[in-house]
PDB file of N, CA and C in Angstrom:
ATOM      1  N   UNK A   1      30.335 149.126  48.794  1.00  0.00           N
ATOM      2  CA  UNK A   1      29.525 148.064  48.121  1.00  0.00           C
ATOM      3  C   UNK A   1      30.335 146.856  47.766  1.00  0.00           C
ATOM      4  N   UNK A   2      31.604 147.077  47.231  1.00  0.00           N
ATOM      5  CA  UNK A   2      32.396 146.035  46.846  1.00  0.00           C
ATOM      6  C   UNK A   2      32.777 144.964  48.045  1.00  0.00           C
ATOM      7  N   UNK A   3      33.005 145.754  49.197  1.00  0.00           N
ATOM      8  CA  UNK A   3      33.261 144.954  50.421  1.00  0.00           C
ATOM      9  C   UNK A   3      32.110 144.051  50.813  1.00  0.00           C
ATOM     10  N   UNK A   4      30.948 144.594  50.695  1.00  0.00           N
ATOM     11  CA  UNK A   4      29.653 143.877  50.928  1.00  0.00           C
ATOM     12  C   UNK A   4      29.436 142.604  50.092  1.00  0.00           C
ATOM     13  N   UNK A   5      29.770 142.849  48.770  1.00  0.00           N
ATOM     14  CA  UNK A   5      29.660 141.811  47.822  1.00  0.00           C
ATOM     15  C   UNK A   5      30.702 140.662  48.054  1.00  0.00           C
ATOM     16  N   UNK A   6      31.928 141.021  48.493  1.00  0.00           N
ATOM     17  CA  UNK A   6      32.887 140.017  48.835  1.00  0.00           C
ATOM     18  C   UNK A   6      32.425 139.287  50.020  1.00  0.00           C
ATOM     19  N   UNK A   7      32.012 139.893  51.000  1.00  0.00           N
ATOM     20  CA  UNK A   7      31.531 139.253  52.176  1.00  0.00           C
ATOM     21  C   UNK A   7      30.442 138.314  51.941  1.00  0.00           C
ATOM     22  N   UNK A   8      29.444 138.719  51.081  1.00  0.00           N
ATOM     23  CA  UNK A   8      28.339 137.864  50.699  1.00  0.00           C
ATOM     24  C   UNK A   8      28.902 136.637  49.881  1.00  0.00           C
ATOM     25  N   UNK A   9      29.853 136.807  48.988  1.00  0.00           N
ATOM     26  CA  UNK A   9      30.352 135.702  48.271  1.00  0.00           C
ATOM     27  C   UNK A   9      31.002 134.727  49.145  1.00  0.00           C
ATOM     28  N   UNK A  10      31.794 135.285  50.113  1.00  0.00           N
ATOM     29  CA  UNK A  10      32.481 134.275  51.102  1.00  0.00           C
ATOM     30  C   UNK A  10      31.477 133.465  51.822  1.00  0.00           C
ATOM     31  N   UNK A  11      30.489 134.166  52.288  1.00  0.00           N
ATOM     32  CA  UNK A  11      29.365 133.509  53.126  1.00  0.00           C
ATOM     33  C   UNK A  11      28.720 132.438  52.248  1.00  0.00           C
ATOM     34  N   UNK A  12      28.440 132.781  51.003  1.00  0.00           N
ATOM     35  CA  UNK A  12      27.735 131.744  50.133  1.00  0.00           C
ATOM     36  C   UNK A  12      28.707 130.678  49.842  1.00  0.00           C
ATOM     37  N   UNK A  13      29.981 130.955  49.560  1.00  0.00           N
ATOM     38  CA  UNK A  13      30.942 129.897  49.365  1.00  0.00           C
ATOM     39  C   UNK A  13      30.971 128.911  50.608  1.00  0.00           C
ATOM     40  N   UNK A  14      31.057 129.401  51.773  1.00  0.00           N
ATOM     41  CA  UNK A  14      31.267 128.645  52.993  1.00  0.00           C
ATOM     42  C   UNK A  14      29.908 127.820  53.078  1.00  0.00           C
ATOM     43  N   UNK A  15      28.799 128.360  52.872  1.00  0.00           N
ATOM     44  CA  UNK A  15      27.532 127.540  52.933  1.00  0.00           C
ATOM     45  C   UNK A  15      27.448 126.432  51.965  1.00  0.00           C
ATOM     46  N   UNK A  16      27.929 126.784  50.696  1.00  0.00           N
ATOM     47  CA  UNK A  16      27.965 125.698  49.697  1.00  0.00           C
ATOM     48  C   UNK A  16      28.971 124.662  50.025  1.00  0.00           C
ATOM     49  N   UNK A  17      30.128 124.976  50.571  1.00  0.00           N
ATOM     50  CA  UNK A  17      31.153 123.965  51.099  1.00  0.00           C
ATOM     51  C   UNK A  17      30.472 123.081  52.013  1.00  0.00           C
ATOM     52  N   UNK A  18      29.782 123.640  52.985  1.00  0.00           N
ATOM     53  CA  UNK A  18      29.140 122.861  54.057  1.00  0.00           C
ATOM     54  C   UNK A  18      28.052 121.939  53.536  1.00  0.00           C
ATOM     55  N   UNK A  19      27.278 122.482  52.556  1.00  0.00           N
ATOM     56  CA  UNK A  19      26.233 121.578  51.928  1.00  0.00           C
ATOM     57  C   UNK A  19      26.900 120.399  51.226  1.00  0.00           C
ATOM     58  N   UNK A  20      27.967 120.695  50.492  1.00  0.00           N
ATOM     59  CA  UNK A  20      28.714 119.661  49.760  1.00  0.00           C
ATOM     60  C   UNK A  20      29.227 118.640  50.599  1.00  0.00           C
ATOM     61  N   UNK A  21      29.912 119.135  51.755  1.00  0.00           N
ATOM     62  CA  UNK A  21      30.484 118.199  52.784  1.00  0.00           C
ATOM     63  C   UNK A  21      29.325 117.254  53.346  1.00  0.00           C
ATOM     64  N   UNK A  22      28.116 117.784  53.635  1.00  0.00           N
ATOM     65  CA  UNK A  22      27.063 116.929  54.187  1.00  0.00           C
ATOM     66  C   UNK A  22      26.638 115.938  53.170  1.00  0.00           C
ATOM     67  N   UNK A  23      26.487 116.479  51.952  1.00  0.00           N
ATOM     68  CA  UNK A  23      26.058 115.534  50.843  1.00  0.00           C
ATOM     69  C   UNK A  23      27.035 114.308  50.737  1.00  0.00           C
ATOM     70  N   UNK A  24      28.347 114.762  50.710  1.00  0.00           N
ATOM     71  CA  UNK A  24      29.297 113.700  50.503  1.00  0.00           C
ATOM     72  C   UNK A  24      29.375 112.653  51.597  1.00  0.00           C
ATOM     73  N   UNK A  25      29.216 113.227  52.809  1.00  0.00           N
ATOM     74  CA  UNK A  25      29.181 112.381  54.004  1.00  0.00           C
ATOM     75  C   UNK A  25      28.078 111.374  53.948  1.00  0.00           C
ATOM     76  N   UNK A  26      26.882 111.911  53.582  1.00  0.00           N
ATOM     77  CA  UNK A  26      25.697 111.178  53.340  1.00  0.00           C
ATOM     78  C   UNK A  26      25.835 110.005  52.301  1.00  0.00           C
ATOM     79  N   UNK A  27      26.477 110.468  51.174  1.00  0.00           N
ATOM     80  CA  UNK A  27      26.784 109.410  50.102  1.00  0.00           C
ATOM     81  C   UNK A  27      27.695 108.347  50.618  1.00  0.00           C
ATOM     82  N   UNK A  28      28.741 108.746  51.258  1.00  0.00           N
ATOM     83  CA  UNK A  28      29.784 107.840  51.790  1.00  0.00           C
ATOM     84  C   UNK A  28      29.103 106.824  52.697  1.00  0.00           C
ATOM     85  N   UNK A  29      28.313 107.241  53.641  1.00  0.00           N
ATOM     86  CA  UNK A  29      27.550 106.378  54.584  1.00  0.00           C
ATOM     87  C   UNK A  29      26.528 105.477  53.920  1.00  0.00           C
ATOM     88  N   UNK A  30      25.916 106.013  52.845  1.00  0.00           N
ATOM     89  CA  UNK A  30      24.951 105.189  52.099  1.00  0.00           C
ATOM     90  C   UNK A  30      25.726 104.058  51.379  1.00  0.00           C
ATOM     91  N   UNK A  31      26.858 104.405  50.696  1.00  0.00           N
ATOM     92  CA  UNK A  31      27.627 103.452  49.974  1.00  0.00           C
ATOM     93  C   UNK A  31      28.294 102.447  50.968  1.00  0.00           C
ATOM     94  N   UNK A  32      28.685 102.877  51.971  1.00  0.00           N
ATOM     95  CA  UNK A  32      29.329 101.956  53.076  1.00  0.00           C
ATOM     96  C   UNK A  32      28.235 100.934  53.426  1.00  0.00           C
ATOM     97  N   UNK A  33      26.977 101.427  53.765  1.00  0.00           N
ATOM     98  CA  UNK A  33      25.945 100.517  54.240  1.00  0.00           C
ATOM     99  C   UNK A  33      25.566  99.567  53.004  1.00  0.00           C
ATOM    100  N   UNK A  34      25.591  99.909  51.939  1.00  0.00           N
ATOM    101  CA  UNK A  34      25.243  99.037  50.794  1.00  0.00           C
ATOM    102  C   UNK A  34      26.310  98.064  50.568  1.00  0.00           C
ATOM    103  N   UNK A  35      27.612  98.453  50.687  1.00  0.00           N
ATOM    104  CA  UNK A  35      28.673  97.459  50.465  1.00  0.00           C
ATOM    105  C   UNK A  35      28.583  96.386  51.576  1.00  0.00           C
ATOM    106  N   UNK A  36      28.351  96.811  52.834  1.00  0.00           N
ATOM    107  CA  UNK A  36      28.295  95.878  53.935  1.00  0.00           C
ATOM    108  C   UNK A  36      27.224  94.922  53.763  1.00  0.00           C
ATOM    109  N   UNK A  37      26.066  95.471  53.316  1.00  0.00           N
ATOM    110  CA  UNK A  37      24.862  94.551  53.171  1.00  0.00           C
ATOM    111  C   UNK A  37      25.164  93.568  51.951  1.00  0.00           C
ATOM    112  N   UNK A  38      25.743  94.025  50.927  1.00  0.00           N
ATOM    113  CA  UNK A  38      26.118  93.271  49.775  1.00  0.00           C
ATOM    114  C   UNK A  38      27.065  92.181  50.179  1.00  0.00           C
ATOM    115  N   UNK A  39      28.054  92.408  50.954  1.00  0.00           N
ATOM    116  CA  UNK A  39      28.985  91.473  51.542  1.00  0.00           C
ATOM    117  C   UNK A  39      28.266  90.413  52.243  1.00  0.00           C
ATOM    118  N   UNK A  40      27.406  90.862  53.165  1.00  0.00           N
ATOM    119  CA  UNK A  40      26.637  89.866  53.905  1.00  0.00           C
ATOM    120  C   UNK A  40      25.924  88.902  53.167  1.00  0.00           C
ATOM    121  N   UNK A  41      25.136  89.540  52.174  1.00  0.00           N
ATOM    122  CA  UNK A  41      24.396  88.605  51.304  1.00  0.00           C
ATOM    123  C   UNK A  41      25.217  87.637  50.518  1.00  0.00           C
ATOM    124  N   UNK A  42      26.362  88.140  50.043  1.00  0.00           N
ATOM    125  CA  UNK A  42      27.321  87.237  49.229  1.00  0.00           C
ATOM    126  C   UNK A  42      27.742  86.197  50.132  1.00  0.00           C
ATOM    127  N   UNK A  43      28.206  86.489  51.394  1.00  0.00           N
ATOM    128  CA  UNK A  43      28.782  85.485  52.258  1.00  0.00           C
ATOM    129  C   UNK A  43      27.703  84.463  52.636  1.00  0.00           C
ATOM    130  N   UNK A  44      26.469  84.861  52.896  1.00  0.00           N
ATOM    131  CA  UNK A  44      25.287  83.998  53.242  1.00  0.00           C
ATOM    132  C   UNK A  44      25.090  83.020  52.016  1.00  0.00           C
ATOM    133  N   UNK A  45      24.979  83.563  50.774  1.00  0.00           N
ATOM    134  CA  UNK A  45      24.852  82.683  49.717  1.00  0.00           C
ATOM    135  C   UNK A  45      25.959  81.700  49.479  1.00  0.00           C
ATOM    136  N   UNK A  46      27.209  82.198  49.661  1.00  0.00           N
ATOM    137  CA  UNK A  46      28.351  81.359  49.484  1.00  0.00           C
ATOM    138  C   UNK A  46      28.371  80.201  50.399  1.00  0.00           C
ATOM    139  N   UNK A  47      28.096  80.595  51.724  1.00  0.00           N
ATOM    140  CA  UNK A  47      28.066  79.569  52.808  1.00  0.00           C
ATOM    141  C   UNK A  47      26.933  78.542  52.613  1.00  0.00           C
ATOM    142  N   UNK A  48      25.741  78.957  52.120  1.00  0.00           N
ATOM    143  CA  UNK A  48      24.617  78.135  51.785  1.00  0.00           C
ATOM    144  C   UNK A  48      24.883  77.090  50.758  1.00  0.00           C
ATOM    145  N   UNK A  49      25.514  77.632  49.687  1.00  0.00           N
ATOM    146  CA  UNK A  49      25.872  76.805  48.560  1.00  0.00           C
ATOM    147  C   UNK A  49      26.953  75.809  48.875  1.00  0.00           C
ATOM    148  N   UNK A  50      27.896  76.250  49.658  1.00  0.00           N
ATOM    149  CA  UNK A  50      28.984  75.345  50.063  1.00  0.00           C
ATOM    150  C   UNK A  50      28.445  74.270  50.868  1.00  0.00           C
ATOM    151  N   UNK A  51      27.564  74.453  51.830  1.00  0.00           N
ATOM    152  CA  UNK A  51      27.078  73.424  52.671  1.00  0.00           C
ATOM    153  C   UNK A  51      26.232  72.533  51.885  1.00  0.00           C
ATOM    154  N   UNK A  52      25.448  72.954  50.997  1.00  0.00           N
ATOM    155  CA  UNK A  52      24.514  72.198  50.253  1.00  0.00           C
ATOM    156  C   UNK A  52      25.358  71.237  49.176  1.00  0.00           C
ATOM    157  N   UNK A  53      26.415  71.877  48.734  1.00  0.00           N
ATOM    158  CA  UNK A  53      27.363  71.090  47.806  1.00  0.00           C
ATOM    159  C   UNK A  53      28.004  69.817  48.489  1.00  0.00           C
ATOM    160  N   UNK A  54      28.122  70.012  49.794  1.00  0.00           N
ATOM    161  CA  UNK A  54      28.720  68.866  50.526  1.00  0.00           C
ATOM    162  C   UNK A  54      27.720  67.842  51.123  1.00  0.00           C
ATOM    163  N   UNK A  55      26.486  67.809  50.523  1.00  0.00           N
ATOM    164  CA  UNK A  55      25.588  66.797  50.911  1.00  0.00           C
ATOM    165  C   UNK A  55      24.445  67.184  51.823  1.00  0.00           C
ATOM    166  N   UNK A  56      24.511  68.362  52.346  1.00  0.00           N
ATOM    167  CA  UNK A  56      23.429  68.750  53.278  1.00  0.00           C
ATOM    168  C   UNK A  56      22.299  69.503  52.578  1.00  0.00           C
ATOM    169  N   UNK A  57      21.203  68.596  52.337  1.00  0.00           N
ATOM    170  CA  UNK A  57      20.134  69.274  51.560  1.00  0.00           C
ATOM    171  C   UNK A  57      19.467  70.413  52.239  1.00  0.00           C
ATOM    172  N   UNK A  58      19.104  70.247  53.563  1.00  0.00           N
ATOM    173  CA  UNK A  58      18.398  71.234  54.291  1.00  0.00           C
ATOM    174  C   UNK A  58      19.505  72.060  55.289  1.00  0.00           C
ATOM    175  N   UNK A  59      20.661  71.746  55.100  1.00  0.00           N
ATOM    176  CA  UNK A  59      21.726  72.391  55.973  1.00  0.00           C
ATOM    177  C   UNK A  59      21.979  73.762  55.483  1.00  0.00           C
ATOM    178  N   UNK A  60      22.303  74.645  56.363  1.00  0.00           N
ATOM    179  CA  UNK A  60      22.780  76.011  56.060  1.00  0.00           C
ATOM    180  C   UNK A  60      23.969  76.398  57.013  1.00  0.00           C
TER     181      UNK A  60
END
Protein backbone atom coordinates (compact mmCIF):
# COMPACT_ATOMS: atom_id res chain seq x y z
CA UNK A 1 0.00 0.00 0.00
CA UNK A 2 2.86 2.40 0.77
CA UNK A 3 4.34 1.89 -2.70
CA UNK A 4 1.00 2.72 -4.31
CA UNK A 5 0.70 5.88 -2.20
CA UNK A 6 4.18 7.01 -3.22
CA UNK A 7 3.44 6.38 -6.89
CA UNK A 8 0.20 8.36 -6.62
CA UNK A 9 2.02 11.21 -4.83
CA UNK A 10 4.63 11.36 -7.60
CA UNK A 11 1.96 11.35 -10.29
CA UNK A 12 0.08 14.15 -8.55
CA UNK A 13 3.32 16.15 -8.08
CA UNK A 14 4.14 15.84 -11.78
CA UNK A 15 0.64 16.86 -12.79
CA UNK A 16 0.79 19.88 -10.49
CA UNK A 17 4.22 20.84 -11.86
CA UNK A 18 2.91 20.70 -15.43
CA UNK A 19 -0.15 22.75 -14.53
CA UNK A 20 2.05 25.39 -12.83
CA UNK A 21 4.40 25.47 -15.84
CA UNK A 22 1.47 26.06 -18.19
CA UNK A 23 0.01 28.76 -15.96
CA UNK A 24 3.39 30.52 -15.70
CA UNK A 25 3.93 30.37 -19.46
CA UNK A 26 0.46 31.79 -20.03
CA UNK A 27 1.15 34.60 -17.54
CA UNK A 28 4.53 35.34 -19.16
CA UNK A 29 2.93 35.55 -22.61
CA UNK A 30 0.13 37.78 -21.34
CA UNK A 31 2.58 40.13 -19.61
CA UNK A 32 4.80 40.19 -22.70
CA UNK A 33 1.84 41.17 -24.91
CA UNK A 34 0.73 43.85 -22.43
CA UNK A 35 4.21 45.35 -22.26
CA UNK A 36 4.56 45.40 -26.05
CA UNK A 37 1.14 47.06 -26.43
CA UNK A 38 1.98 49.58 -23.71
CA UNK A 39 5.25 50.49 -25.41
CA UNK A 40 3.47 50.90 -28.76
CA UNK A 41 0.90 53.23 -27.23
CA UNK A 42 3.59 55.21 -25.42
CA UNK A 43 5.67 55.63 -28.58
CA UNK A 44 2.59 56.67 -30.60
CA UNK A 45 1.62 59.29 -28.02
CA UNK A 46 5.21 60.51 -27.74
CA UNK A 47 5.63 60.89 -31.51
CA UNK A 48 2.24 62.61 -31.87
CA UNK A 49 3.05 65.08 -29.09
CA UNK A 50 6.52 65.77 -30.50
CA UNK A 51 5.22 66.50 -34.02
CA UNK A 52 2.42 68.69 -32.67
CA UNK A 53 4.91 70.62 -30.49
CA UNK A 54 6.93 71.49 -33.57
CA UNK A 55 4.09 73.33 -35.28
CA UNK A 56 2.14 70.61 -37.04
CA UNK A 57 -1.43 70.96 -35.84
CA UNK A 58 -2.81 68.00 -37.78
CA UNK A 59 0.48 66.21 -38.34
CA UNK A 60 1.27 62.85 -36.81
